[in-house]
Structures are given as C-alpha cells and as structure tokens.
C-alpha cells in the first residue's frame, strides 16, 4: 500500500498513475478513494480508452455492475480492439443475469485467457453443458498453468469448490498474477466462506 499511496501523492496530475492507484484501491476495498482517483483521471485524459476501461474495472470491483458498462462501452468506442474490456463488460452482464448479452461480450473478447472462462460460465448457466466443457478444456489446453486463476473462477461457478480451491492453491504456489483479484472477485463467491479460502486470503495478506 505505501508505494501506491506515495505514487498518488507525487503523481496526482498523471492519469496513468491515478488509474493504477484507483485499481489498487478498488482491489483492496478502498472504493471511495478509487472512485475519486478515477474521476480525476477521466478529467485529465478524456480521450484515453485505458482510462475508461479502468473506470469500468473499478466499478466492477465495487460490484456496481450497471455502472461498469458505460465506461467500458466508451473505451471500446475509442479502441474497438482493446483487450480485457469486453471481458469486464461480459462479467458485469453475467452478474446482472443478462446472459445472452454476456455471451456476446465474452465471445468478442480478444484476450482468450479472460474470454474463455466467461464463456464457460455463461454456458453452464444456460444449460449448455457440452459447450461449457469444451470451452473449459480449451482454456486448459491453450493456457495451461498460465490460466490457473481463471480455471478456478470457472470451477467455483460450476459448484466444484474442492477443485476450485485446489486450483487456487496451485496458482498461489506459482505466484499467479490473477490472485490480485481474489479479495473481491464475484466469480469466487461460492468459496468465500470456506475455511480453506479464508486461510488463503490470510496467506496472501488480504485478511
């Protein structure tokens, strides 16, 4: 936290510094600070699609799913090929139970490591079990251990807690960067009250 707070102190006139600070705050539960930093970043850099994508990510982390969609749409208007933006939109639509729209968004995501998990979760919610298994198998075969965190997201949503927790432990052992999302990732909510998940949060410094 200290380096991020220092970056904010020294770089409050730089939109990229502000967006990174905002994402850190959002992922650690400091949503008011995250929102304030994002508002300033938007004021400073209104034509940067990354800034709007981050604004959507901050809203998603705060579970304000409806609020996450307009800035993502603005980011995609500025850069239709932007990576992870469709995934954030798809995830927001998924948790709003707008499954058909979520499926379209995930299918448009150019970064498959975040697009395939969303597609697999939507498929199982739409009772398309064969599609779900095919998509998950593709995630595993194409990304392997690089996608362990994403595999755990899918397994948690598929109500396979033991497999999801084991996969998260493998991710932790490999210092998987996806674990930065673990504190408030809604995909992992089915695991959130288990003793194993609470121990993992503590190990990672989130509890």
C-alpha atoms as a PDB file:
ATOM      1  CA  UNK A   1       0.000   0.000   0.000  1.00  0.00           C
ATOM      2  CA  UNK A   2       2.723   2.507   0.911  1.00  0.00           C
ATOM      3  CA  UNK A   3       4.243   2.732  -2.607  1.00  0.00           C
ATOM      4  CA  UNK A   4       0.804   3.232  -4.160  1.00  0.00           C
ATOM      5  CA  UNK A   5      -0.087   5.946  -1.657  1.00  0.00           C
ATOM      6  CA  UNK A   6       3.259   7.620  -2.371  1.00  0.00           C
ATOM      7  CA  UNK A   7       2.651   7.418  -6.125  1.00  0.00           C
ATOM      8  CA  UNK A   8      -0.686   9.140  -5.629  1.00  0.00           C
ATOM      9  CA  UNK A   9       0.938  11.842  -3.527  1.00  0.00           C
ATOM     10  CA  UNK A  10       3.573  12.561  -6.170  1.00  0.00           C
ATOM     11  CA  UNK A  11       1.650  11.801  -9.352  1.00  0.00           C
ATOM     12  CA  UNK A  12      -1.853  13.152  -8.886  1.00  0.00           C
ATOM     13  CA  UNK A  13      -1.504  15.058 -12.162  1.00  0.00           C
ATOM     14  CA  UNK A  14      -0.848  11.931 -14.223  1.00  0.00           C
ATOM     15  CA  UNK A  15      -3.865   9.920 -15.412  1.00  0.00           C
ATOM     16  CA  UNK A  16      -1.939   6.641 -15.697  1.00  0.00           C
ATOM     17  CA  UNK A  17      -0.679   6.952 -12.119  1.00  0.00           C
ATOM     18  CA  UNK A  18      -4.187   7.732 -10.949  1.00  0.00           C
ATOM     19  CA  UNK A  19      -5.777   4.771 -12.728  1.00  0.00           C
ATOM     20  CA  UNK A  20      -3.240   2.311 -11.314  1.00  0.00           C
ATOM     21  CA  UNK A  21      -3.756   3.758  -7.852  1.00  0.00           C
ATOM     22  CA  UNK A  22      -7.529   3.518  -8.319  1.00  0.00           C
ATOM     23  CA  UNK A  23      -7.330  -0.142  -9.345  1.00  0.00           C
ATOM     24  CA  UNK A  24      -5.162  -0.945  -6.345  1.00  0.00           C
ATOM     25  CA  UNK A  25      -7.632   0.811  -4.047  1.00  0.00           C
ATOM     26  CA  UNK A  26     -10.570  -0.993  -5.627  1.00  0.00           C
ATOM     27  CA  UNK A  27      -8.946  -4.408  -5.318  1.00  0.00           C
ATOM     28  CA  UNK A  28      -8.228  -3.766  -1.642  1.00  0.00           C
ATOM     29  CA  UNK A  29     -11.680  -2.441  -0.791  1.00  0.00           C
ATOM     30  CA  UNK A  30     -10.975   1.315  -0.719  1.00  0.00           C
ATOM     31  CA  UNK A  31     -13.770   2.176  -3.126  1.00  0.00           C
ATOM     32  CA  UNK A  32     -14.291   5.837  -2.259  1.00  0.00           C
ATOM     33  CA  UNK A  33     -10.616   6.571  -2.878  1.00  0.00           C
ATOM     34  CA  UNK A  34     -10.715   4.525  -6.074  1.00  0.00           C
ATOM     35  CA  UNK A  35     -13.728   6.416  -7.415  1.00  0.00           C
ATOM     36  CA  UNK A  36     -12.240   9.808  -6.568  1.00  0.00           C
ATOM     37  CA  UNK A  37      -8.959   8.954  -8.307  1.00  0.00           C
ATOM     38  CA  UNK A  38     -10.785   7.666 -11.387  1.00  0.00           C
ATOM     39  CA  UNK A  39     -12.896  10.815 -11.631  1.00  0.00           C
ATOM     40  CA  UNK A  40      -9.725  12.911 -11.659  1.00  0.00           C
ATOM     41  CA  UNK A  41      -8.063  10.613 -14.208  1.00  0.00           C
ATOM     42  CA  UNK A  42     -11.034  10.985 -16.560  1.00  0.00           C
ATOM     43  CA  UNK A  43     -10.885  14.767 -16.180  1.00  0.00           C
ATOM     44  CA  UNK A  44      -7.181  14.731 -17.107  1.00  0.00           C
ATOM     45  CA  UNK A  45      -7.325  12.298 -20.025  1.00  0.00           C
ATOM     46  CA  UNK A  46     -10.745  12.141 -21.657  1.00  0.00           C
ATOM     47  CA  UNK A  47      -9.583  10.506 -24.897  1.00  0.00           C
ATOM     48  CA  UNK A  48      -7.588   7.626 -23.430  1.00  0.00           C
ATOM     49  CA  UNK A  49      -9.505   4.327 -23.737  1.00  0.00           C
ATOM     50  CA  UNK A  50      -7.412   2.760 -20.955  1.00  0.00           C
ATOM     51  CA  UNK A  51      -8.765   5.320 -18.517  1.00  0.00           C
ATOM     52  CA  UNK A  52     -12.366   4.353 -19.270  1.00  0.00           C
ATOM     53  CA  UNK A  53     -11.557   0.648 -19.132  1.00  0.00           C
ATOM     54  CA  UNK A  54     -10.060   1.153 -15.683  1.00  0.00           C
ATOM     55  CA  UNK A  55     -13.117   3.136 -14.614  1.00  0.00           C
ATOM     56  CA  UNK A  56     -15.236   0.141 -15.588  1.00  0.00           C
ATOM     57  CA  UNK A  57     -12.909  -2.217 -13.716  1.00  0.00           C
ATOM     58  CA  UNK A  58     -13.154  -0.095 -10.575  1.00  0.00           C
ATOM     59  CA  UNK A  59     -16.953  -0.138 -10.728  1.00  0.00           C
ATOM     60  CA  UNK A  60     -16.936  -3.901 -11.310  1.00  0.00           C
ATOM     61  CA  UNK A  61     -14.645  -4.467  -8.326  1.00  0.00           C
ATOM     62  CA  UNK A  62     -17.116  -2.471  -6.229  1.00  0.00           C
ATOM     63  CA  UNK A  63     -19.885  -4.698  -7.646  1.00  0.00           C
ATOM     64  CA  UNK A  64     -21.601  -1.760  -9.262  1.00  0.00           C
ATOM     65  CA  UNK A  65     -22.213  -3.808 -12.374  1.00  0.00           C
ATOM     66  CA  UNK A  66     -24.616  -1.436 -14.083  1.00  0.00           C
ATOM     67  CA  UNK A  67     -22.185   1.453 -13.572  1.00  0.00           C
ATOM     68  CA  UNK A  68     -19.314  -0.581 -15.046  1.00  0.00           C
ATOM     69  CA  UNK A  69     -20.848  -0.917 -18.511  1.00  0.00           C
ATOM     70  CA  UNK A  70     -20.985   2.703 -19.842  1.00  0.00           C
ATOM     71  CA  UNK A  71     -17.262   3.447 -19.347  1.00  0.00           C
ATOM     72  CA  UNK A  72     -16.375   0.107 -20.933  1.00  0.00           C
ATOM     73  CA  UNK A  73     -18.558   0.986 -23.915  1.00  0.00           C
ATOM     74  CA  UNK A  74     -16.740   4.326 -24.148  1.00  0.00           C
ATOM     75  CA  UNK A  75     -13.365   2.561 -24.046  1.00  0.00           C
ATOM     76  CA  UNK A  76     -14.441   0.253 -26.859  1.00  0.00           C
ATOM     77  CA  UNK A  77     -15.770   3.192 -28.856  1.00  0.00           C
ATOM     78  CA  UNK A  78     -12.287   4.717 -28.680  1.00  0.00           C
ATOM     79  CA  UNK A  79     -10.488   1.405 -29.270  1.00  0.00           C
ATOM     80  CA  UNK A  80     -12.696  -1.463 -30.504  1.00  0.00           C
ATOM     81  CA  UNK A  81      -9.792  -3.946 -30.267  1.00  0.00           C
ATOM     82  CA  UNK A  82      -8.897  -3.184 -26.650  1.00  0.00           C
ATOM     83  CA  UNK A  83      -8.054  -6.259 -24.605  1.00  0.00           C
ATOM     84  CA  UNK A  84      -9.992  -7.248 -21.417  1.00  0.00           C
ATOM     85  CA  UNK A  85     -12.660  -4.569 -21.958  1.00  0.00           C
ATOM     86  CA  UNK A  86     -15.223  -6.988 -23.384  1.00  0.00           C
ATOM     87  CA  UNK A  87     -14.441  -9.374 -20.529  1.00  0.00           C
ATOM     88  CA  UNK A  88     -15.272  -6.710 -17.930  1.00  0.00           C
ATOM     89  CA  UNK A  89     -18.469  -5.910 -19.801  1.00  0.00           C
ATOM     90  CA  UNK A  90     -19.352  -9.594 -20.092  1.00  0.00           C
ATOM     91  CA  UNK A  91     -18.706 -10.171 -16.405  1.00  0.00           C
ATOM     92  CA  UNK A  92     -20.909  -7.218 -15.461  1.00  0.00           C
ATOM     93  CA  UNK A  93     -23.715  -8.501 -17.691  1.00  0.00           C
ATOM     94  CA  UNK A  94     -23.275 -12.010 -16.302  1.00  0.00           C
ATOM     95  CA  UNK A  95     -23.823 -10.862 -12.721  1.00  0.00           C
ATOM     96  CA  UNK A  96     -26.789  -8.794 -13.870  1.00  0.00           C
ATOM     97  CA  UNK A  97     -28.143 -12.092 -15.243  1.00  0.00           C
ATOM     98  CA  UNK A  98     -28.202 -10.720 -18.785  1.00  0.00           C
ATOM     99  CA  UNK A  99     -26.779 -13.959 -20.115  1.00  0.00           C
ATOM    100  CA  UNK A 100     -27.310 -13.581 -23.852  1.00  0.00           C
ATOM    101  CA  UNK A 101     -25.604 -10.191 -23.835  1.00  0.00           C
ATOM    102  CA  UNK A 102     -22.826 -11.537 -21.629  1.00  0.00           C
ATOM    103  CA  UNK A 103     -22.186 -14.383 -24.050  1.00  0.00           C
ATOM    104  CA  UNK A 104     -21.810 -11.961 -26.955  1.00  0.00           C
ATOM    105  CA  UNK A 105     -19.395  -9.780 -24.988  1.00  0.00           C
ATOM    106  CA  UNK A 106     -17.205 -12.705 -23.930  1.00  0.00           C
ATOM    107  CA  UNK A 107     -17.130 -14.034 -27.494  1.00  0.00           C
ATOM    108  CA  UNK A 108     -15.848 -10.649 -28.686  1.00  0.00           C
ATOM    109  CA  UNK A 109     -13.018 -10.565 -26.129  1.00  0.00           C
ATOM    110  CA  UNK A 110      -9.675 -10.734 -27.998  1.00  0.00           C
ATOM    111  CA  UNK A 111      -7.787 -11.994 -24.937  1.00  0.00           C
ATOM    112  CA  UNK A 112      -8.900 -15.608 -24.739  1.00  0.00           C
ATOM    113  CA  UNK A 113      -7.461 -16.220 -21.275  1.00  0.00           C
ATOM    114  CA  UNK A 114     -10.195 -13.953 -19.891  1.00  0.00           C
ATOM    115  CA  UNK A 115     -12.775 -14.530 -22.626  1.00  0.00           C
ATOM    116  CA  UNK A 116     -12.967 -18.337 -22.448  1.00  0.00           C
ATOM    117  CA  UNK A 117     -13.704 -18.520 -18.687  1.00  0.00           C
ATOM    118  CA  UNK A 118     -16.613 -16.127 -19.078  1.00  0.00           C
ATOM    119  CA  UNK A 119     -17.974 -18.114 -21.991  1.00  0.00           C
ATOM    120  CA  UNK A 120     -17.728 -21.335 -19.966  1.00  0.00           C
ATOM    121  CA  UNK A 121     -19.617 -19.838 -17.017  1.00  0.00           C
ATOM    122  CA  UNK A 122     -22.351 -18.427 -19.248  1.00  0.00           C
ATOM    123  CA  UNK A 123     -22.656 -21.791 -20.990  1.00  0.00           C
ATOM    124  CA  UNK A 124     -23.260 -23.683 -17.760  1.00  0.00           C
ATOM    125  CA  UNK A 125     -25.833 -21.108 -16.629  1.00  0.00           C
ATOM    126  CA  UNK A 126     -27.640 -21.554 -19.932  1.00  0.00           C
ATOM    127  CA  UNK A 127     -27.630 -25.334 -19.502  1.00  0.00           C
ATOM    128  CA  UNK A 128     -25.209 -25.843 -22.399  1.00  0.00           C
ATOM    129  CA  UNK A 129     -23.065 -28.381 -20.557  1.00  0.00           C
ATOM    130  CA  UNK A 130     -21.251 -29.726 -23.608  1.00  0.00           C
ATOM    131  CA  UNK A 131     -20.258 -26.211 -24.695  1.00  0.00           C
ATOM    132  CA  UNK A 132     -19.104 -25.419 -21.165  1.00  0.00           C
ATOM    133  CA  UNK A 133     -16.862 -28.482 -21.013  1.00  0.00           C
ATOM    134  CA  UNK A 134     -15.435 -27.750 -24.457  1.00  0.00           C
ATOM    135  CA  UNK A 135     -14.634 -24.143 -23.533  1.00  0.00           C
ATOM    136  CA  UNK A 136     -13.018 -25.147 -20.243  1.00  0.00           C
ATOM    137  CA  UNK A 137     -10.936 -27.817 -21.975  1.00  0.00           C
ATOM    138  CA  UNK A 138      -9.753 -25.193 -24.440  1.00  0.00           C
ATOM    139  CA  UNK A 139      -8.788 -22.861 -21.601  1.00  0.00           C
ATOM    140  CA  UNK A 140      -6.701 -25.622 -20.011  1.00  0.00           C
ATOM    141  CA  UNK A 141      -5.112 -26.840 -23.248  1.00  0.00           C
ATOM    142  CA  UNK A 142      -4.227 -23.427 -24.661  1.00  0.00           C
ATOM    143  CA  UNK A 143      -3.067 -21.698 -21.480  1.00  0.00           C
ATOM    144  CA  UNK A 144      -2.197 -24.433 -19.001  1.00  0.00           C
ATOM    145  CA  UNK A 145      -0.778 -23.112 -15.746  1.00  0.00           C
ATOM    146  CA  UNK A 146      -0.880 -19.538 -17.064  1.00  0.00           C
ATOM    147  CA  UNK A 147      -4.648 -19.716 -16.651  1.00  0.00           C
ATOM    148  CA  UNK A 148      -4.896 -21.370 -13.233  1.00  0.00           C
ATOM    149  CA  UNK A 149      -6.695 -18.440 -11.641  1.00  0.00           C
ATOM    150  CA  UNK A 150      -9.215 -18.354 -14.489  1.00  0.00           C
ATOM    151  CA  UNK A 151      -9.718 -22.116 -14.202  1.00  0.00           C
ATOM    152  CA  UNK A 152     -10.518 -21.645 -10.509  1.00  0.00           C
ATOM    153  CA  UNK A 153     -13.076 -18.954 -11.368  1.00  0.00           C
ATOM    154  CA  UNK A 154     -14.902 -21.366 -13.658  1.00  0.00           C
ATOM    155  CA  UNK A 155     -14.752 -24.269 -11.217  1.00  0.00           C
ATOM    156  CA  UNK A 156     -16.127 -22.088  -8.415  1.00  0.00           C
ATOM    157  CA  UNK A 157     -19.033 -21.007 -10.610  1.00  0.00           C
ATOM    158  CA  UNK A 158     -19.633 -24.630 -11.595  1.00  0.00           C
ATOM    159  CA  UNK A 159     -20.101 -25.511  -7.908  1.00  0.00           C
ATOM    160  CA  UNK A 160     -16.906 -27.551  -7.700  1.00  0.00           C
ATOM    161  CA  UNK A 161     -15.410 -25.986  -4.571  1.00  0.00           C
ATOM    162  CA  UNK A 162     -12.782 -28.616  -3.805  1.00  0.00           C
ATOM    163  CA  UNK A 163     -11.363 -28.458  -7.336  1.00  0.00           C
ATOM    164  CA  UNK A 164     -11.521 -24.663  -7.363  1.00  0.00           C
ATOM    165  CA  UNK A 165      -9.667 -24.376  -4.050  1.00  0.00           C
ATOM    166  CA  UNK A 166      -7.012 -26.862  -5.151  1.00  0.00           C
ATOM    167  CA  UNK A 167      -6.506 -24.860  -8.336  1.00  0.00           C
ATOM    168  CA  UNK A 168      -6.166 -21.619  -6.361  1.00  0.00           C
ATOM    169  CA  UNK A 169      -3.503 -23.260  -4.208  1.00  0.00           C
ATOM    170  CA  UNK A 170      -1.623 -24.235  -7.358  1.00  0.00           C
ATOM    171  CA  UNK A 171      -1.972 -20.647  -8.545  1.00  0.00           C
ATOM    172  CA  UNK A 172      -0.566 -19.374  -5.243  1.00  0.00           C
ATOM    173  CA  UNK A 173       2.385 -21.758  -5.455  1.00  0.00           C
ATOM    174  CA  UNK A 174       3.204 -20.317  -8.877  1.00  0.00           C
ATOM    175  CA  UNK A 175       2.648 -16.671  -7.876  1.00  0.00           C
ATOM    176  CA  UNK A 176      -0.172 -16.367 -10.421  1.00  0.00           C
ATOM    177  CA  UNK A 177      -0.815 -12.671 -11.069  1.00  0.00           C
ATOM    178  CA  UNK A 178      -4.563 -13.314 -11.183  1.00  0.00           C
ATOM    179  CA  UNK A 179      -4.577 -13.613  -7.413  1.00  0.00           C
ATOM    180  CA  UNK A 180      -4.575  -9.825  -7.123  1.00  0.00           C
ATOM    181  CA  UNK A 181      -8.330 -10.050  -7.851  1.00  0.00           C
ATOM    182  CA  UNK A 182      -9.139 -12.632  -5.180  1.00  0.00           C
ATOM    183  CA  UNK A 183     -10.313 -10.340  -2.373  1.00  0.00           C
ATOM    184  CA  UNK A 184     -13.487  -9.153  -4.097  1.00  0.00           C
ATOM    185  CA  UNK A 185     -13.855 -11.301  -7.206  1.00  0.00           C
ATOM    186  CA  UNK A 186     -17.548 -12.285  -7.506  1.00  0.00           C
ATOM    187  CA  UNK A 187     -16.616 -15.368  -9.552  1.00  0.00           C
ATOM    188  CA  UNK A 188     -15.138 -16.802  -6.348  1.00  0.00           C
ATOM    189  CA  UNK A 189     -18.119 -16.021  -4.100  1.00  0.00           C
ATOM    190  CA  UNK A 190     -19.137 -19.706  -3.827  1.00  0.00           C
ATOM    191  CA  UNK A 191     -15.838 -20.294  -1.995  1.00  0.00           C
ATOM    192  CA  UNK A 192     -15.749 -17.169   0.094  1.00  0.00           C
ATOM    193  CA  UNK A 193     -16.895 -18.558   3.448  1.00  0.00           C
ATOM    194  CA  UNK A 194     -14.956 -21.811   3.364  1.00  0.00           C
ATOM    195  CA  UNK A 195     -12.095 -22.199   5.880  1.00  0.00           C
ATOM    196  CA  UNK A 196      -9.668 -23.019   3.068  1.00  0.00           C
ATOM    197  CA  UNK A 197     -10.469 -19.817   1.180  1.00  0.00           C
ATOM    198  CA  UNK A 198     -10.223 -17.694   4.331  1.00  0.00           C
ATOM    199  CA  UNK A 199      -6.806 -19.219   5.057  1.00  0.00           C
ATOM    200  CA  UNK A 200      -5.693 -18.426   1.516  1.00  0.00           C
ATOM    201  CA  UNK A 201      -6.785 -14.801   1.894  1.00  0.00           C
ATOM    202  CA  UNK A 202      -4.774 -14.572   5.086  1.00  0.00           C
ATOM    203  CA  UNK A 203      -1.729 -16.138   3.425  1.00  0.00           C
ATOM    204  CA  UNK A 204      -1.928 -13.548   0.667  1.00  0.00           C
ATOM    205  CA  UNK A 205      -2.252 -10.664   3.137  1.00  0.00           C
ATOM    206  CA  UNK A 206      -5.897  -9.867   2.407  1.00  0.00           C
ATOM    207  CA  UNK A 207      -7.241 -10.820   5.826  1.00  0.00           C
END
